[in-house]
Each structure stands twice: as structure tokens, then as C-alpha cells.
PDB file of all heavy atoms in Angstrom:
ATOM      1  N   THR A   1       0.819  -1.214  -0.011  1.00  0.00           N
ATOM      2  CA  THR A   1       0.005  -0.002  -0.008  1.00  0.00           C
ATOM      3  C   THR A   1       0.850   1.261   0.005  1.00  0.00           C
ATOM      4  O   THR A   1       0.504   2.246  -0.649  1.00  0.00           O
ATOM      5  CB  THR A   1      -0.957   0.002   1.226  1.00  0.00           C
ATOM      6  OG1 THR A   1      -1.756  -1.162   1.156  1.00  0.00           O
ATOM      7  CG2 THR A   1      -1.849   1.216   1.244  1.00  0.00           C
ATOM      8  N   GLU A   2       1.990   1.241   0.707  1.00  0.00           N
ATOM      9  CA  GLU A   2       2.853   2.425   0.752  1.00  0.00           C
ATOM     10  C   GLU A   2       3.360   2.802  -0.635  1.00  0.00           C
ATOM     11  O   GLU A   2       3.402   3.987  -0.979  1.00  0.00           O
ATOM     12  CB  GLU A   2       4.016   2.214   1.700  1.00  0.00           C
ATOM     13  CG  GLU A   2       3.626   2.102   3.162  1.00  0.00           C
ATOM     14  CD  GLU A   2       3.040   0.750   3.582  1.00  0.00           C
ATOM     15  OE1 GLU A   2       3.220  -0.241   2.866  1.00  0.00           O
ATOM     16  OE2 GLU A   2       2.380   0.726   4.628  1.00  0.00           O
ATOM     17  N   ASP A   3       3.748   1.787  -1.438  1.00  0.00           N
ATOM     18  CA  ASP A   3       4.204   2.070  -2.803  1.00  0.00           C
ATOM     19  C   ASP A   3       3.062   2.650  -3.636  1.00  0.00           C
ATOM     20  O   ASP A   3       3.268   3.578  -4.402  1.00  0.00           O
ATOM     21  CB  ASP A   3       4.731   0.792  -3.464  1.00  0.00           C
ATOM     22  CG  ASP A   3       6.084   0.350  -2.890  1.00  0.00           C
ATOM     23  OD1 ASP A   3       6.741   1.172  -2.195  1.00  0.00           O
ATOM     24  OD2 ASP A   3       6.471  -0.791  -3.143  1.00  0.00           O
ATOM     25  N   ALA A   4       1.881   2.110  -3.467  1.00  0.00           N
ATOM     26  CA  ALA A   4       0.712   2.616  -4.195  1.00  0.00           C
ATOM     27  C   ALA A   4       0.436   4.062  -3.834  1.00  0.00           C
ATOM     28  O   ALA A   4       0.143   4.895  -4.708  1.00  0.00           O
ATOM     29  CB  ALA A   4      -0.519   1.733  -3.935  1.00  0.00           C
ATOM     30  N   GLU A   5       0.508   4.388  -2.538  1.00  0.00           N
ATOM     31  CA  GLU A   5       0.312   5.755  -2.092  1.00  0.00           C
ATOM     32  C   GLU A   5       1.374   6.707  -2.661  1.00  0.00           C
ATOM     33  O   GLU A   5       1.034   7.841  -3.033  1.00  0.00           O
ATOM     34  CB  GLU A   5       0.308   5.805  -0.564  1.00  0.00           C
ATOM     35  CG  GLU A   5      -0.949   5.176   0.039  1.00  0.00           C
ATOM     36  CD  GLU A   5      -0.855   4.998   1.540  1.00  0.00           C
ATOM     37  OE1 GLU A   5       0.250   5.198   2.123  1.00  0.00           O
ATOM     38  OE2 GLU A   5      -1.893   4.680   2.160  1.00  0.00           O
ATOM     39  N   ASP A   6       2.591   6.256  -2.733  1.00  0.00           N
ATOM     40  CA  ASP A   6       3.675   7.079  -3.314  1.00  0.00           C
ATOM     41  C   ASP A   6       3.394   7.351  -4.783  1.00  0.00           C
ATOM     42  O   ASP A   6       3.583   8.491  -5.255  1.00  0.00           O
ATOM     43  CB  ASP A   6       5.034   6.387  -3.168  1.00  0.00           C
ATOM     44  CG  ASP A   6       5.556   6.400  -1.738  1.00  0.00           C
ATOM     45  OD1 ASP A   6       5.011   7.154  -0.893  1.00  0.00           O
ATOM     46  OD2 ASP A   6       6.503   5.624  -1.464  1.00  0.00           O
ATOM     47  N   ILE A   7       2.941   6.335  -5.503  1.00  0.00           N
ATOM     48  CA  ILE A   7       2.652   6.495  -6.929  1.00  0.00           C
ATOM     49  C   ILE A   7       1.503   7.468  -7.087  1.00  0.00           C
ATOM     50  O   ILE A   7       1.539   8.385  -7.931  1.00  0.00           O
ATOM     51  CB  ILE A   7       2.356   5.159  -7.596  1.00  0.00           C
ATOM     52  CG1 ILE A   7       3.632   4.294  -7.630  1.00  0.00           C
ATOM     53  CG2 ILE A   7       1.742   5.339  -8.981  1.00  0.00           C
ATOM     54  CD1 ILE A   7       3.425   2.848  -7.975  1.00  0.00           C
ATOM     55  N   LEU A   8       0.451   7.292  -6.297  1.00  0.00           N
ATOM     56  CA  LEU A   8      -0.717   8.157  -6.405  1.00  0.00           C
ATOM     57  C   LEU A   8      -0.337   9.601  -6.057  1.00  0.00           C
ATOM     58  O   LEU A   8      -0.792  10.545  -6.723  1.00  0.00           O
ATOM     59  CB  LEU A   8      -1.825   7.676  -5.475  1.00  0.00           C
ATOM     60  CG  LEU A   8      -3.147   8.412  -5.576  1.00  0.00           C
ATOM     61  CD1 LEU A   8      -3.696   8.377  -7.013  1.00  0.00           C
ATOM     62  CD2 LEU A   8      -4.166   7.824  -4.613  1.00  0.00           C
ATOM     63  N   GLN A   9       0.505   9.782  -5.065  1.00  0.00           N
ATOM     64  CA  GLN A   9       0.957  11.134  -4.711  1.00  0.00           C
ATOM     65  C   GLN A   9       1.703  11.761  -5.887  1.00  0.00           C
ATOM     66  O   GLN A   9       1.532  12.945  -6.193  1.00  0.00           O
ATOM     67  CB  GLN A   9       1.877  11.077  -3.500  1.00  0.00           C
ATOM     68  CG  GLN A   9       2.341  12.450  -3.054  1.00  0.00           C
ATOM     69  CD  GLN A   9       3.204  12.397  -1.813  1.00  0.00           C
ATOM     70  OE1 GLN A   9       3.519  11.351  -1.285  1.00  0.00           O
ATOM     71  NE2 GLN A   9       3.581  13.558  -1.337  1.00  0.00           N
ATOM     72  N   GLU A  10       2.523  10.982  -6.585  1.00  0.00           N
ATOM     73  CA  GLU A  10       3.241  11.494  -7.749  1.00  0.00           C
ATOM     74  C   GLU A  10       2.261  11.874  -8.881  1.00  0.00           C
ATOM     75  O   GLU A  10       2.466  12.870  -9.575  1.00  0.00           O
ATOM     76  CB  GLU A  10       4.254  10.483  -8.242  1.00  0.00           C
ATOM     77  CG  GLU A  10       5.077  10.917  -9.446  1.00  0.00           C
ATOM     78  CD  GLU A  10       5.990  12.116  -9.153  1.00  0.00           C
ATOM     79  OE1 GLU A  10       6.302  12.416  -8.009  1.00  0.00           O
ATOM     80  OE2 GLU A  10       6.343  12.788 -10.128  1.00  0.00           O
ATOM     81  N   VAL A  11       1.228  11.069  -9.063  1.00  0.00           N
ATOM     82  CA  VAL A  11       0.197  11.384 -10.070  1.00  0.00           C
ATOM     83  C   VAL A  11      -0.430  12.733  -9.752  1.00  0.00           C
ATOM     84  O   VAL A  11      -0.551  13.595 -10.637  1.00  0.00           O
ATOM     85  CB  VAL A  11      -0.879  10.275 -10.104  1.00  0.00           C
ATOM     86  CG1 VAL A  11      -2.089  10.719 -10.932  1.00  0.00           C
ATOM     87  CG2 VAL A  11      -0.308   8.996 -10.668  1.00  0.00           C
ATOM     88  N   TRP A  12      -0.808  12.954  -8.498  1.00  0.00           N
ATOM     89  CA  TRP A  12      -1.420  14.220  -8.130  1.00  0.00           C
ATOM     90  C   TRP A  12      -0.448  15.373  -8.262  1.00  0.00           C
ATOM     91  O   TRP A  12      -0.814  16.475  -8.679  1.00  0.00           O
ATOM     92  CB  TRP A  12      -2.012  14.173  -6.702  1.00  0.00           C
ATOM     93  CG  TRP A  12      -3.148  13.210  -6.577  1.00  0.00           C
ATOM     94  CD1 TRP A  12      -3.332  12.298  -5.587  1.00  0.00           C
ATOM     95  CD2 TRP A  12      -4.271  13.047  -7.449  1.00  0.00           C
ATOM     96  NE1 TRP A  12      -4.466  11.580  -5.805  1.00  0.00           N
ATOM     97  CE2 TRP A  12      -5.082  12.025  -6.937  1.00  0.00           C
ATOM     98  CE3 TRP A  12      -4.669  13.658  -8.636  1.00  0.00           C
ATOM     99  CZ2 TRP A  12      -6.261  11.604  -7.533  1.00  0.00           C
ATOM    100  CZ3 TRP A  12      -5.858  13.244  -9.255  1.00  0.00           C
ATOM    101  CH2 TRP A  12      -6.628  12.246  -8.700  1.00  0.00           C
ATOM    102  N   TYR A  13       0.802  15.145  -7.922  1.00  0.00           N
ATOM    103  CA  TYR A  13       1.802  16.194  -8.110  1.00  0.00           C
ATOM    104  C   TYR A  13       1.949  16.591  -9.576  1.00  0.00           C
ATOM    105  O   TYR A  13       1.943  17.772  -9.902  1.00  0.00           O
ATOM    106  CB  TYR A  13       3.170  15.756  -7.529  1.00  0.00           C
ATOM    107  CG  TYR A  13       4.255  16.756  -7.812  1.00  0.00           C
ATOM    108  CD1 TYR A  13       4.338  17.902  -7.043  1.00  0.00           C
ATOM    109  CD2 TYR A  13       5.153  16.541  -8.833  1.00  0.00           C
ATOM    110  CE1 TYR A  13       5.310  18.866  -7.318  1.00  0.00           C
ATOM    111  CE2 TYR A  13       6.115  17.496  -9.124  1.00  0.00           C
ATOM    112  CZ  TYR A  13       6.197  18.626  -8.345  1.00  0.00           C
ATOM    113  OH  TYR A  13       7.176  19.571  -8.621  1.00  0.00           O
ATOM    114  N   GLN A  14       2.046  15.588 -10.424  1.00  0.00           N
ATOM    115  CA  GLN A  14       2.161  15.876 -11.871  1.00  0.00           C
ATOM    116  C   GLN A  14       0.924  16.588 -12.385  1.00  0.00           C
ATOM    117  O   GLN A  14       0.995  17.522 -13.181  1.00  0.00           O
ATOM    118  CB  GLN A  14       2.422  14.588 -12.641  1.00  0.00           C
ATOM    119  CG  GLN A  14       3.768  13.946 -12.351  1.00  0.00           C
ATOM    120  CD  GLN A  14       4.933  14.776 -12.814  1.00  0.00           C
ATOM    121  OE1 GLN A  14       4.864  15.465 -13.811  1.00  0.00           O
ATOM    122  NE2 GLN A  14       6.005  14.719 -12.078  1.00  0.00           N
ATOM    123  N   PHE A  15      -0.234  16.133 -11.942  1.00  0.00           N
ATOM    124  CA  PHE A  15      -1.502  16.762 -12.366  1.00  0.00           C
ATOM    125  C   PHE A  15      -1.537  18.226 -11.915  1.00  0.00           C
ATOM    126  O   PHE A  15      -1.899  19.122 -12.687  1.00  0.00           O
ATOM    127  CB  PHE A  15      -2.658  15.980 -11.766  1.00  0.00           C
ATOM    128  CG  PHE A  15      -4.007  16.490 -12.191  1.00  0.00           C
ATOM    129  CD1 PHE A  15      -4.448  16.390 -13.503  1.00  0.00           C
ATOM    130  CD2 PHE A  15      -4.860  17.090 -11.277  1.00  0.00           C
ATOM    131  CE1 PHE A  15      -5.711  16.854 -13.895  1.00  0.00           C
ATOM    132  CE2 PHE A  15      -6.106  17.594 -11.634  1.00  0.00           C
ATOM    133  CZ  PHE A  15      -6.526  17.467 -12.948  1.00  0.00           C
ATOM    134  N   SER A  16      -1.144  18.492 -10.688  1.00  0.00           N
ATOM    135  CA  SER A  16      -1.187  19.858 -10.178  1.00  0.00           C
ATOM    136  C   SER A  16      -0.122  20.754 -10.821  1.00  0.00           C
ATOM    137  O   SER A  16      -0.252  21.973 -10.795  1.00  0.00           O
ATOM    138  CB  SER A  16      -1.002  19.898  -8.658  1.00  0.00           C
ATOM    139  OG  SER A  16       0.311  19.533  -8.283  1.00  0.00           O
ATOM    140  N   SER A  17       0.899  20.140 -11.422  1.00  0.00           N
ATOM    141  CA  SER A  17       1.957  20.904 -12.061  1.00  0.00           C
ATOM    142  C   SER A  17       1.600  21.340 -13.500  1.00  0.00           C
ATOM    143  O   SER A  17       2.315  22.145 -14.073  1.00  0.00           O
ATOM    144  CB  SER A  17       3.252  20.088 -12.126  1.00  0.00           C
ATOM    145  OG  SER A  17       3.695  19.834 -10.813  1.00  0.00           O
ATOM    146  N   LEU A  18       0.504  20.830 -14.015  1.00  0.00           N
ATOM    147  CA  LEU A  18       0.094  21.250 -15.345  1.00  0.00           C
ATOM    148  C   LEU A  18      -0.207  22.735 -15.337  1.00  0.00           C
ATOM    149  O   LEU A  18      -0.831  23.240 -14.411  1.00  0.00           O
ATOM    150  CB  LEU A  18      -1.163  20.477 -15.805  1.00  0.00           C
ATOM    151  CG  LEU A  18      -0.975  18.967 -15.995  1.00  0.00           C
ATOM    152  CD1 LEU A  18      -2.337  18.309 -16.260  1.00  0.00           C
ATOM    153  CD2 LEU A  18      -0.041  18.710 -17.141  1.00  0.00           C
ATOM    154  N   THR A  19       0.215  23.432 -16.345  1.00  0.00           N
ATOM    155  CA  THR A  19       0.033  24.877 -16.374  1.00  0.00           C
ATOM    156  C   THR A  19      -1.336  25.278 -16.842  1.00  0.00           C
ATOM    157  O   THR A  19      -1.825  26.340 -16.499  1.00  0.00           O
ATOM    158  CB  THR A  19       1.099  25.541 -17.277  1.00  0.00           C
ATOM    159  OG1 THR A  19       1.021  24.990 -18.578  1.00  0.00           O
ATOM    160  CG2 THR A  19       2.486  25.364 -16.691  1.00  0.00           C
ATOM    161  N   ASN A  20      -1.980  24.422 -17.618  1.00  0.00           N
ATOM    162  CA  ASN A  20      -3.307  24.786 -18.155  1.00  0.00           C
ATOM    163  C   ASN A  20      -4.224  23.581 -18.110  1.00  0.00           C
ATOM    164  O   ASN A  20      -4.271  22.803 -19.031  1.00  0.00           O
ATOM    165  CB  ASN A  20      -3.176  25.322 -19.580  1.00  0.00           C
ATOM    166  CG  ASN A  20      -4.448  25.921 -20.087  1.00  0.00           C
ATOM    167  OD1 ASN A  20      -5.463  25.967 -19.381  1.00  0.00           O
ATOM    168  ND2 ASN A  20      -4.453  26.392 -21.312  1.00  0.00           N
ATOM    169  N   LEU A  21      -4.949  23.422 -17.038  1.00  0.00           N
ATOM    170  CA  LEU A  21      -5.833  22.257 -16.878  1.00  0.00           C
ATOM    171  C   LEU A  21      -6.972  22.267 -17.882  1.00  0.00           C
ATOM    172  O   LEU A  21      -7.565  21.225 -18.121  1.00  0.00           O
ATOM    173  CB  LEU A  21      -6.414  22.271 -15.431  1.00  0.00           C
ATOM    174  CG  LEU A  21      -5.416  22.061 -14.315  1.00  0.00           C
ATOM    175  CD1 LEU A  21      -6.132  22.034 -12.976  1.00  0.00           C
ATOM    176  CD2 LEU A  21      -4.639  20.775 -14.499  1.00  0.00           C
ATOM    177  N   SER A  22      -7.271  23.409 -18.484  1.00  0.00           N
ATOM    178  CA  SER A  22      -8.354  23.458 -19.440  1.00  0.00           C
ATOM    179  C   SER A  22      -8.014  22.663 -20.723  1.00  0.00           C
ATOM    180  O   SER A  22      -8.878  22.355 -21.520  1.00  0.00           O
ATOM    181  CB  SER A  22      -8.717  24.889 -19.803  1.00  0.00           C
ATOM    182  OG  SER A  22      -7.625  25.548 -20.397  1.00  0.00           O
ATOM    183  N   GLU A  23      -6.716  22.306 -20.886  1.00  0.00           N
ATOM    184  CA  GLU A  23      -6.311  21.496 -22.028  1.00  0.00           C
ATOM    185  C   GLU A  23      -6.770  20.036 -21.870  1.00  0.00           C
ATOM    186  O   GLU A  23      -6.786  19.281 -22.826  1.00  0.00           O
ATOM    187  CB  GLU A  23      -4.807  21.508 -22.202  1.00  0.00           C
ATOM    188  CG  GLU A  23      -4.282  22.868 -22.640  1.00  0.00           C
ATOM    189  CD  GLU A  23      -2.765  22.916 -22.719  1.00  0.00           C
ATOM    190  OE1 GLU A  23      -2.098  21.935 -22.313  1.00  0.00           O
ATOM    191  OE2 GLU A  23      -2.235  23.936 -23.162  1.00  0.00           O
ATOM    192  N   ILE A  24      -7.115  19.651 -20.635  1.00  0.00           N
ATOM    193  CA  ILE A  24      -7.570  18.302 -20.372  1.00  0.00           C
ATOM    194  C   ILE A  24      -9.046  18.231 -20.714  1.00  0.00           C
ATOM    195  O   ILE A  24      -9.860  18.891 -20.072  1.00  0.00           O
ATOM    196  CB  ILE A  24      -7.324  17.896 -18.908  1.00  0.00           C
ATOM    197  CG1 ILE A  24      -5.830  17.965 -18.605  1.00  0.00           C
ATOM    198  CG2 ILE A  24      -7.910  16.495 -18.629  1.00  0.00           C
ATOM    199  CD1 ILE A  24      -5.507  17.765 -17.160  1.00  0.00           C
ATOM    200  N   VAL A  25      -9.376  17.432 -21.708  1.00  0.00           N
ATOM    201  CA  VAL A  25     -10.742  17.383 -22.204  1.00  0.00           C
ATOM    202  C   VAL A  25     -11.647  16.599 -21.239  1.00  0.00           C
ATOM    203  O   VAL A  25     -12.700  17.061 -20.862  1.00  0.00           O
ATOM    204  CB  VAL A  25     -10.797  16.762 -23.589  1.00  0.00           C
ATOM    205  CG1 VAL A  25     -12.221  16.616 -24.086  1.00  0.00           C
ATOM    206  CG2 VAL A  25     -10.009  17.603 -24.565  1.00  0.00           C
ATOM    207  N   ASN A  26     -11.195  15.431 -20.807  1.00  0.00           N
ATOM    208  CA  ASN A  26     -12.049  14.587 -19.967  1.00  0.00           C
ATOM    209  C   ASN A  26     -11.167  13.858 -18.969  1.00  0.00           C
ATOM    210  O   ASN A  26     -10.572  12.819 -19.290  1.00  0.00           O
ATOM    211  CB  ASN A  26     -12.847  13.615 -20.815  1.00  0.00           C
ATOM    212  CG  ASN A  26     -13.857  12.863 -19.988  1.00  0.00           C
ATOM    213  OD1 ASN A  26     -13.863  12.929 -18.761  1.00  0.00           O
ATOM    214  ND2 ASN A  26     -14.711  12.152 -20.648  1.00  0.00           N
ATOM    215  N   VAL A  27     -11.085  14.353 -17.758  1.00  0.00           N
ATOM    216  CA  VAL A  27     -10.214  13.776 -16.725  1.00  0.00           C
ATOM    217  C   VAL A  27     -10.624  12.330 -16.437  1.00  0.00           C
ATOM    218  O   VAL A  27      -9.820  11.469 -16.199  1.00  0.00           O
ATOM    219  CB  VAL A  27     -10.285  14.605 -15.431  1.00  0.00           C
ATOM    220  CG1 VAL A  27      -9.525  13.935 -14.299  1.00  0.00           C
ATOM    221  CG2 VAL A  27      -9.698  15.996 -15.708  1.00  0.00           C
ATOM    222  N   GLY A  28     -11.922  12.010 -16.527  1.00  0.00           N
ATOM    223  CA  GLY A  28     -12.412  10.692 -16.138  1.00  0.00           C
ATOM    224  C   GLY A  28     -12.398   9.700 -17.275  1.00  0.00           C
ATOM    225  O   GLY A  28     -12.862   8.545 -17.072  1.00  0.00           O
ATOM    226  N   ALA A  29     -11.989  10.030 -18.453  1.00  0.00           N
ATOM    227  CA  ALA A  29     -12.028   9.109 -19.585  1.00  0.00           C
ATOM    228  C   ALA A  29     -11.283   7.840 -19.270  1.00  0.00           C
ATOM    229  O   ALA A  29     -10.126   7.885 -18.849  1.00  0.00           O
ATOM    230  CB  ALA A  29     -11.445   9.776 -20.818  1.00  0.00           C
TER     231      ALA A  29
END
């Protein structure tokens, strides 16, 4: 679980680092 949490944290970090979220058409696709 700790590795999974680390990976998920990195996903959120990368997502938050995007400069223009409006370029993402469908986050849930």
C-alpha cells in the first residue's frame, strides 16, 4: 500500500503541475 500511495501522490503532483488544466478534455475518460 505504501508504494501505491507514493505513486498516487506522484500522479497528483504531476496533475497539479500542469500549467493549463483546461487542455484536459475529460479527466475521467
